[in-house]
PDB file of N, CA and C in Angstrom:
ATOM      1  N   PRO A   1       0.883  -4.029  14.640  1.00  0.00           N
ATOM      2  CA  PRO A   1       1.699  -3.728  15.904  1.00  0.00           C
ATOM      3  C   PRO A   1       2.937  -3.978  15.966  1.00  0.00           C
ATOM      4  N   PRO A   2       3.894  -3.025  16.514  1.00  0.00           N
ATOM      5  CA  PRO A   2       5.420  -2.926  16.494  1.00  0.00           C
ATOM      6  C   PRO A   2       6.090  -4.444  17.168  1.00  0.00           C
ATOM      7  N   LYS A   3       5.445  -5.058  18.017  1.00  0.00           N
ATOM      8  CA  LYS A   3       5.817  -6.197  18.778  1.00  0.00           C
ATOM      9  C   LYS A   3       5.084  -7.484  18.142  1.00  0.00           C
ATOM     10  N   ASN A   4       4.862  -7.548  16.702  1.00  0.00           N
ATOM     11  CA  ASN A   4       3.924  -8.640  16.460  1.00  0.00           C
ATOM     12  C   ASN A   4       4.848  -8.948  14.833  1.00  0.00           C
ATOM     13  N   CYS A   5       5.795  -8.698  14.932  1.00  0.00           N
ATOM     14  CA  CYS A   5       6.716  -9.410  13.512  1.00  0.00           C
ATOM     15  C   CYS A   5       7.231 -10.357  13.926  1.00  0.00           C
ATOM     16  N   HIS A   6       6.981 -11.998  13.110  1.00  0.00           N
ATOM     17  CA  HIS A   6       7.243 -12.993  13.199  1.00  0.00           C
ATOM     18  C   HIS A   6       8.661 -13.345  13.125  1.00  0.00           C
ATOM     19  N   HIS A   7       9.630 -12.210  12.555  1.00  0.00           N
ATOM     20  CA  HIS A   7      11.434 -11.944  12.460  1.00  0.00           C
ATOM     21  C   HIS A   7      11.850 -11.534  13.695  1.00  0.00           C
ATOM     22  N   ILE A   8      10.921 -11.391  14.882  1.00  0.00           N
ATOM     23  CA  ILE A   8      11.268 -10.850  15.942  1.00  0.00           C
ATOM     24  C   ILE A   8      11.708  -9.362  16.040  1.00  0.00           C
ATOM     25  N   TYR A   9      12.837  -8.945  15.406  1.00  0.00           N
ATOM     26  CA  TYR A   9      13.584  -7.791  15.371  1.00  0.00           C
ATOM     27  C   TYR A   9      12.695  -6.596  13.836  1.00  0.00           C
ATOM     28  N   GLY A  10      12.086  -7.685  12.899  1.00  0.00           N
ATOM     29  CA  GLY A  10      11.808  -6.925  11.561  1.00  0.00           C
ATOM     30  C   GLY A  10      11.659  -5.866  11.971  1.00  0.00           C
ATOM     31  N   ASN A  11      10.384  -5.673  12.533  1.00  0.00           N
ATOM     32  CA  ASN A  11       9.693  -4.078  13.016  1.00  0.00           C
ATOM     33  C   ASN A  11      10.426  -2.962  13.283  1.00  0.00           C
ATOM     34  N   TYR A  12      11.617  -3.403  14.100  1.00  0.00           N
ATOM     35  CA  TYR A  12      12.534  -2.572  14.638  1.00  0.00           C
ATOM     36  C   TYR A  12      13.648  -1.786  13.838  1.00  0.00           C
ATOM     37  N   ILE A  13      14.131  -2.856  12.862  1.00  0.00           N
ATOM     38  CA  ILE A  13      14.713  -2.863  11.533  1.00  0.00           C
ATOM     39  C   ILE A  13      14.547  -1.981  10.562  1.00  0.00           C
ATOM     40  N   THR A  14      12.987  -2.528  10.153  1.00  0.00           N
ATOM     41  CA  THR A  14      12.247  -1.043   9.316  1.00  0.00           C
ATOM     42  C   THR A  14      12.289  -0.042   9.791  1.00  0.00           C
ATOM     43  N   ALA A  15      11.829   0.315  10.974  1.00  0.00           N
ATOM     44  CA  ALA A  15      11.666   1.556  11.456  1.00  0.00           C
ATOM     45  C   ALA A  15      12.593   2.165  11.331  1.00  0.00           C
ATOM     46  N   LYS A  16      13.861   1.517  11.738  1.00  0.00           N
ATOM     47  CA  LYS A  16      15.456   2.808  11.537  1.00  0.00           C
ATOM     48  C   LYS A  16      15.166   2.685   9.968  1.00  0.00           C
ATOM     49  N   ARG A  17      15.249   1.893   9.324  1.00  0.00           N
ATOM     50  CA  ARG A  17      15.501   2.133   8.169  1.00  0.00           C
ATOM     51  C   ARG A  17      14.380   3.290   7.311  1.00  0.00           C
ATOM     52  N   ILE A  18      13.180   3.080   7.847  1.00  0.00           N
ATOM     53  CA  ILE A  18      12.299   4.450   7.143  1.00  0.00           C
ATOM     54  C   ILE A  18      12.666   5.855   7.679  1.00  0.00           C
ATOM     55  N   ARG A  19      13.136   5.911   8.929  1.00  0.00           N
ATOM     56  CA  ARG A  19      13.775   7.050   9.206  1.00  0.00           C
ATOM     57  C   ARG A  19      15.102   7.245   8.637  1.00  0.00           C
ATOM     58  N   LEU A  20      15.900   6.246   8.592  1.00  0.00           N
ATOM     59  CA  LEU A  20      17.188   6.847   7.381  1.00  0.00           C
ATOM     60  C   LEU A  20      16.931   7.418   5.841  1.00  0.00           C
ATOM     61  N   MET A  21      15.902   6.466   5.448  1.00  0.00           N
ATOM     62  CA  MET A  21      15.198   7.043   4.171  1.00  0.00           C
ATOM     63  C   MET A  21      14.488   8.665   4.432  1.00  0.00           C
ATOM     64  N   ASP A  22      13.812   8.613   5.361  1.00  0.00           N
ATOM     65  CA  ASP A  22      12.982  10.136   5.487  1.00  0.00           C
ATOM     66  C   ASP A  22      14.188  11.235   5.356  1.00  0.00           C
ATOM     67  N   MET A  23      15.318  10.932   6.403  1.00  0.00           N
ATOM     68  CA  MET A  23      16.638  11.965   6.053  1.00  0.00           C
ATOM     69  C   MET A  23      17.040  11.729   4.600  1.00  0.00           C
ATOM     70  N   LEU A  24      17.506  11.333   4.070  1.00  0.00           N
ATOM     71  CA  LEU A  24      17.731  11.100   2.648  1.00  0.00           C
ATOM     72  C   LEU A  24      17.007  11.511   1.824  1.00  0.00           C
ATOM     73  N   MET A  25      15.975  11.315   1.907  1.00  0.00           N
ATOM     74  CA  MET A  25      14.964  11.883   0.671  1.00  0.00           C
ATOM     75  C   MET A  25      14.895  13.545   1.030  1.00  0.00           C
ATOM     76  N   SER A  26      14.639  13.814   2.506  1.00  0.00           N
ATOM     77  CA  SER A  26      14.488  15.230   2.927  1.00  0.00           C
ATOM     78  C   SER A  26      15.894  16.063   2.012  1.00  0.00           C
ATOM     79  N   GLN A  27      16.793  15.332   2.169  1.00  0.00           N
ATOM     80  CA  GLN A  27      18.363  16.159   1.697  1.00  0.00           C
ATOM     81  C   GLN A  27      18.351  16.119   0.186  1.00  0.00           C
ATOM     82  N   LEU A  28      17.559  15.403  -0.203  1.00  0.00           N
ATOM     83  CA  LEU A  28      17.570  15.344  -1.841  1.00  0.00           C
ATOM     84  C   LEU A  28      16.607  16.174  -2.417  1.00  0.00           C
ATOM     85  N   GLY A  29      15.399  16.744  -1.270  1.00  0.00           N
ATOM     86  CA  GLY A  29      14.617  17.359  -1.758  1.00  0.00           C
ATOM     87  C   GLY A  29      13.216  17.136  -2.337  1.00  0.00           C
ATOM     88  N   ILE A  30      13.225  15.212  -1.931  1.00  0.00           N
ATOM     89  CA  ILE A  30      11.870  14.567  -2.240  1.00  0.00           C
ATOM     90  C   ILE A  30      11.467  14.520  -0.747  1.00  0.00           C
ATOM     91  N   SER A  31       9.879  14.888  -0.942  1.00  0.00           N
ATOM     92  CA  SER A  31       8.929  15.092  -0.027  1.00  0.00           C
ATOM     93  C   SER A  31       8.987  13.393   0.751  1.00  0.00           C
ATOM     94  N   PRO A  32       9.228  13.614   2.213  1.00  0.00           N
ATOM     95  CA  PRO A  32       9.119  12.170   2.546  1.00  0.00           C
ATOM     96  C   PRO A  32       8.178  11.508   2.797  1.00  0.00           C
ATOM     97  N   SER A  33       6.823  12.499   2.441  1.00  0.00           N
ATOM     98  CA  SER A  33       5.267  11.876   2.333  1.00  0.00           C
ATOM     99  C   SER A  33       5.081  11.321   1.176  1.00  0.00           C
ATOM    100  N   ARG A  34       6.076  10.700   0.389  1.00  0.00           N
ATOM    101  CA  ARG A  34       6.178   9.690  -0.824  1.00  0.00           C
ATOM    102  C   ARG A  34       6.634   8.230  -0.079  1.00  0.00           C
ATOM    103  N   LEU A  35       6.785   8.272   1.150  1.00  0.00           N
ATOM    104  CA  LEU A  35       7.162   7.006   1.846  1.00  0.00           C
ATOM    105  C   LEU A  35       6.476   7.041   2.461  1.00  0.00           C
ATOM    106  N   ARG A  36       5.684   5.619   3.163  1.00  0.00           N
ATOM    107  CA  ARG A  36       4.917   5.101   3.932  1.00  0.00           C
ATOM    108  C   ARG A  36       5.316   3.881   4.618  1.00  0.00           C
ATOM    109  N   TRP A  37       5.002   3.726   6.017  1.00  0.00           N
ATOM    110  CA  TRP A  37       5.181   2.401   6.173  1.00  0.00           C
ATOM    111  C   TRP A  37       4.247   1.893   7.044  1.00  0.00           C
ATOM    112  N   GLU A  38       3.391   1.170   7.121  1.00  0.00           N
ATOM    113  CA  GLU A  38       1.987   0.484   7.777  1.00  0.00           C
ATOM    114  C   GLU A  38       2.386  -0.622   8.113  1.00  0.00           C
ATOM    115  N   TYR A  39       1.767  -0.955   9.463  1.00  0.00           N
ATOM    116  CA  TYR A  39       2.084  -2.211  10.177  1.00  0.00           C
ATOM    117  C   TYR A  39       1.072  -2.642   9.629  1.00  0.00           C
ATOM    118  N   ILE A  40       1.345  -3.838   8.955  1.00  0.00           N
ATOM    119  CA  ILE A  40       0.028  -4.644   8.388  1.00  0.00           C
ATOM    120  C   ILE A  40       0.446  -6.219   8.516  1.00  0.00           C
ATOM    121  N   GLY A  41       0.008  -6.876  10.164  1.00  0.00           N
ATOM    122  CA  GLY A  41       0.128  -8.264  10.242  1.00  0.00           C
ATOM    123  C   GLY A  41      -0.862  -9.141   9.604  1.00  0.00           C
ATOM    124  N   VAL A  42      -0.313 -10.384   9.764  1.00  0.00           N
ATOM    125  CA  VAL A  42      -0.719 -11.784   8.791  1.00  0.00           C
ATOM    126  C   VAL A  42      -2.664 -11.335   9.434  1.00  0.00           C
ATOM    127  N   PRO A  43      -3.312 -10.875  10.708  1.00  0.00           N
ATOM    128  CA  PRO A  43      -4.450 -11.097  11.379  1.00  0.00           C
ATOM    129  C   PRO A  43      -4.867  -9.939  10.821  1.00  0.00           C
ATOM    130  N   MET A  44      -4.310  -8.592  10.138  1.00  0.00           N
ATOM    131  CA  MET A  44      -4.725  -7.712   9.596  1.00  0.00           C
ATOM    132  C   MET A  44      -4.643  -7.512   7.929  1.00  0.00           C
ATOM    133  N   TRP A  45      -4.410  -8.663   7.259  1.00  0.00           N
ATOM    134  CA  TRP A  45      -4.039  -8.776   6.034  1.00  0.00           C
ATOM    135  C   TRP A  45      -5.019  -7.939   5.216  1.00  0.00           C
ATOM    136  N   ARG A  46      -6.443  -7.900   5.434  1.00  0.00           N
ATOM    137  CA  ARG A  46      -7.334  -7.333   4.628  1.00  0.00           C
ATOM    138  C   ARG A  46      -7.323  -5.765   4.868  1.00  0.00           C
ATOM    139  N   ASN A  47      -6.239  -5.423   5.878  1.00  0.00           N
ATOM    140  CA  ASN A  47      -6.167  -4.059   5.694  1.00  0.00           C
ATOM    141  C   ASN A  47      -5.344  -2.959   4.601  1.00  0.00           C
ATOM    142  N   LEU A  48      -4.539  -4.581   3.602  1.00  0.00           N
ATOM    143  CA  LEU A  48      -3.391  -4.080   2.466  1.00  0.00           C
ATOM    144  C   LEU A  48      -3.978  -3.351   1.667  1.00  0.00           C
ATOM    145  N   GLY A  49      -5.129  -3.684   1.395  1.00  0.00           N
ATOM    146  CA  GLY A  49      -5.396  -3.066   0.096  1.00  0.00           C
ATOM    147  C   GLY A  49      -5.959  -1.577   0.556  1.00  0.00           C
ATOM    148  N   ASP A  50      -6.528  -1.517   1.612  1.00  0.00           N
ATOM    149  CA  ASP A  50      -6.740   0.095   1.909  1.00  0.00           C
ATOM    150  C   ASP A  50      -5.189   0.983   2.049  1.00  0.00           C
ATOM    151  N   ALA A  51      -4.401   0.278   2.631  1.00  0.00           N
ATOM    152  CA  ALA A  51      -3.094   1.067   2.871  1.00  0.00           C
ATOM    153  C   ALA A  51      -2.498   1.296   1.344  1.00  0.00           C
ATOM    154  N   ILE A  52      -2.634   0.339   0.323  1.00  0.00           N
ATOM    155  CA  ILE A  52      -2.251   0.800  -1.089  1.00  0.00           C
ATOM    156  C   ILE A  52      -3.042   1.910  -1.661  1.00  0.00           C
ATOM    157  N   LYS A  53      -4.167   1.862  -1.266  1.00  0.00           N
ATOM    158  CA  LYS A  53      -5.225   2.656  -2.307  1.00  0.00           C
ATOM    159  C   LYS A  53      -4.887   4.301  -1.432  1.00  0.00           C
ATOM    160  N   LYS A  54      -4.868   4.194  -0.222  1.00  0.00           N
ATOM    161  CA  LYS A  54      -4.183   5.667   0.736  1.00  0.00           C
ATOM    162  C   LYS A  54      -3.231   6.075  -0.232  1.00  0.00           C
ATOM    163  N   MET A  55      -1.999   5.049  -0.033  1.00  0.00           N
ATOM    164  CA  MET A  55      -0.546   5.524  -0.714  1.00  0.00           C
ATOM    165  C   MET A  55      -0.778   5.857  -2.365  1.00  0.00           C
ATOM    166  N   ASP A  56      -1.754   5.535  -3.025  1.00  0.00           N
ATOM    167  CA  ASP A  56      -1.999   5.800  -4.274  1.00  0.00           C
ATOM    168  C   ASP A  56      -2.335   7.157  -4.233  1.00  0.00           C
ATOM    169  N   GLU A  57      -3.281   7.366  -3.340  1.00  0.00           N
ATOM    170  CA  GLU A  57      -4.382   8.457  -3.595  1.00  0.00           C
ATOM    171  C   GLU A  57      -3.354   9.713  -3.244  1.00  0.00           C
ATOM    172  N   ALA A  58      -2.699   9.471  -2.148  1.00  0.00           N
ATOM    173  CA  ALA A  58      -1.390  10.370  -1.467  1.00  0.00           C
ATOM    174  C   ALA A  58      -0.412  10.992  -2.677  1.00  0.00           C
ATOM    175  N   ILE A  59       0.063   9.627  -3.132  1.00  0.00           N
ATOM    176  CA  ILE A  59       1.097  10.161  -4.237  1.00  0.00           C
ATOM    177  C   ILE A  59       0.450  10.815  -5.302  1.00  0.00           C
ATOM    178  N   ARG A  60      -0.415  10.277  -6.078  1.00  0.00           N
ATOM    179  CA  ARG A  60      -1.486  11.143  -6.804  1.00  0.00           C
ATOM    180  C   ARG A  60      -1.556  12.797  -6.563  1.00  0.00           C
ATOM    181  N   LYS A  61      -1.909  13.036  -5.272  1.00  0.00           N
ATOM    182  CA  LYS A  61      -1.996  14.267  -4.612  1.00  0.00           C
ATOM    183  C   LYS A  61      -1.169  15.136  -4.837  1.00  0.00           C
ATOM    184  N   ILE A  62       0.176  14.435  -4.714  1.00  0.00           N
ATOM    185  CA  ILE A  62       1.752  15.212  -4.678  1.00  0.00           C
ATOM    186  C   ILE A  62       1.818  15.309  -5.893  1.00  0.00           C
ATOM    187  N   GLY A  63       1.914  14.491  -6.758  1.00  0.00           N
ATOM    188  CA  GLY A  63       2.144  14.635  -8.159  1.00  0.00           C
ATOM    189  C   GLY A  63       3.335  13.857  -8.496  1.00  0.00           C
ATOM    190  N   SER A  64       3.525  14.125  -9.543  1.00  0.00           N
ATOM    191  CA  SER A  64       4.828  13.433 -10.349  1.00  0.00           C
ATOM    192  C   SER A  64       6.359  13.647  -9.785  1.00  0.00           C
ATOM    193  N   LEU A  65       7.397  13.273  -9.645  1.00  0.00           N
ATOM    194  CA  LEU A  65       8.473  13.594  -8.896  1.00  0.00           C
ATOM    195  C   LEU A  65       9.662  13.768 -10.273  1.00  0.00           C
ATOM    196  N   ASN A  66       9.872  14.890 -10.182  1.00  0.00           N
ATOM    197  CA  ASN A  66      10.776  15.733 -11.208  1.00  0.00           C
ATOM    198  C   ASN A  66      11.962  15.637 -10.762  1.00  0.00           C
ATOM    199  N   LEU A  67      13.105  14.386 -10.973  1.00  0.00           N
ATOM    200  CA  LEU A  67      14.472  14.988 -10.777  1.00  0.00           C
ATOM    201  C   LEU A  67      15.225  15.003 -11.855  1.00  0.00           C
ATOM    202  N   ARG A  68      15.998  15.615 -11.914  1.00  0.00           N
ATOM    203  CA  ARG A  68      17.052  16.038 -12.834  1.00  0.00           C
ATOM    204  C   ARG A  68      18.508  15.796 -12.602  1.00  0.00           C
ATOM    205  N   GLY A  69      19.377  14.904 -13.267  1.00  0.00           N
ATOM    206  CA  GLY A  69      20.559  14.588 -12.932  1.00  0.00           C
ATOM    207  C   GLY A  69      21.466  15.089 -13.878  1.00  0.00           C
TER     208      GLY A  69
END
């Protein structure tokens, strides 16, 4: 949950960074769905495996990222 970070402002700083990354990825033509942020606090550590599995499935559906530089 947003107010459950022991670093006091960690969740808010991360939320700001995620919004910035979403904008940057969109500008680069990369689907922002390749980036996901999940609230997983210490009491919810068992949810980490599920979050990783869901992200892995989502990335596999999207497919590989083909960047040409």
